[in-house]
Amino acid sequence: MDNVFIERLWRSLKYECVYLHAFETGSELRAGLGRWITYYNTQRPHSGLAGRTPAEAYRRIGQSDHGGHAPHDLMIKQAA
């Protein structure tokens, strides 16, 4: 299975958060990562989602622009 989406997420996390800040403690790192993940999901537009944020794309699942079906890249598989 291809991990391109996860690899891209880690790259963005490193270059947009970790490498730009000198976190002095684990607590600071955890807080900084939490802020970045919130930003990534709610404010940062994604070209693969037609300029929407993941939160916007997730809320649109089931609406008319997808014919009532989730787009392929947003489908979540159920654990067996």
Protein backbone atom coordinates (compact mmCIF):
# COMPACT_ATOMS: atom_id res chain seq x y z
CA MET A 1 0.00 0.00 0.00
CA ASP A 2 1.22 3.47 -0.86
CA ASN A 3 1.81 5.86 2.04
CA VAL A 4 2.10 9.02 -0.05
CA PHE A 5 -0.58 10.90 1.90
CA ILE A 6 0.94 10.11 5.29
CA GLU A 7 4.45 10.91 4.04
CA ARG A 8 3.20 14.29 2.80
CA LEU A 9 1.54 14.97 6.16
CA TRP A 10 4.79 14.24 8.02
CA ARG A 11 6.75 16.45 5.60
CA SER A 12 4.34 19.34 6.15
CA LEU A 13 4.45 18.85 9.91
CA LYS A 14 8.25 18.91 9.98
CA TYR A 15 8.73 21.89 7.66
CA GLU A 16 5.79 24.02 8.85
CA CYS A 17 6.06 23.34 12.58
CA VAL A 18 8.92 21.31 14.03
CA TYR A 19 11.83 22.84 12.08
CA LEU A 20 10.57 26.40 12.66
CA HIS A 21 10.37 26.26 16.46
CA ALA A 22 12.89 25.53 19.17
CA PHE A 23 10.70 23.61 21.58
CA GLU A 24 12.46 23.37 24.92
CA THR A 25 10.33 20.75 26.62
CA GLY A 26 8.12 17.84 25.67
CA SER A 27 5.12 19.81 26.91
CA GLU A 28 5.93 22.70 24.58
CA LEU A 29 6.34 20.29 21.68
CA ARG A 30 3.03 18.59 22.43
CA ALA A 31 1.21 21.95 22.62
CA GLY A 32 2.86 23.18 19.42
CA LEU A 33 1.97 20.01 17.54
CA GLY A 34 -1.61 20.25 18.76
CA ARG A 35 -1.90 23.82 17.51
CA TRP A 36 -0.42 22.89 14.14
CA ILE A 37 -2.71 19.88 13.69
CA THR A 38 -5.73 22.05 14.48
CA TYR A 39 -4.51 24.63 11.94
CA TYR A 40 -3.83 21.91 9.35
CA ASN A 41 -7.34 20.47 9.68
CA THR A 42 -9.38 23.66 10.06
CA GLN A 43 -7.56 26.58 8.38
CA ARG A 44 -4.95 25.33 5.88
CA PRO A 45 -6.37 24.86 2.36
CA HIS A 46 -5.41 21.64 0.55
CA SER A 47 -5.03 21.51 -3.22
CA GLY A 48 -6.09 17.85 -3.25
CA LEU A 49 -9.39 18.89 -1.65
CA ALA A 50 -10.16 21.64 -4.18
CA GLY A 51 -8.80 24.34 -1.88
CA ARG A 52 -10.90 23.24 1.08
CA THR A 53 -9.64 22.32 4.52
CA PRO A 54 -10.00 18.70 5.67
CA ALA A 55 -12.73 19.84 8.07
CA GLU A 56 -14.68 21.50 5.24
CA ALA A 57 -14.27 18.47 2.99
CA TYR A 58 -15.37 16.11 5.77
CA ARG A 59 -18.51 18.17 6.45
CA ARG A 60 -19.41 18.03 2.74
CA ILE A 61 -19.52 14.23 2.61
CA GLY A 62 -23.00 13.19 1.63
CA GLN A 63 -23.95 16.55 0.17
CA SER A 64 -25.09 16.97 -3.41
CA ASP A 65 -21.67 17.76 -4.94
CA HIS A 66 -20.65 14.13 -4.38
CA GLY A 67 -23.96 12.55 -5.30
CA GLY A 68 -24.47 11.36 -1.75
CA HIS A 69 -21.22 9.42 -1.72
CA ALA A 70 -17.96 10.27 0.00
CA PRO A 71 -15.10 11.17 -2.36
CA HIS A 72 -12.57 8.34 -2.73
CA ASP A 73 -9.79 10.16 -0.84
CA LEU A 74 -12.01 10.83 2.18
CA MET A 75 -13.52 7.40 2.70
CA ILE A 76 -12.76 5.77 6.02
CA LYS A 77 -12.52 1.99 6.12
CA GLN A 78 -14.18 0.12 8.94
CA ALA A 79 -11.96 -2.15 11.00
CA ALA A 80 -12.76 -5.80 10.41
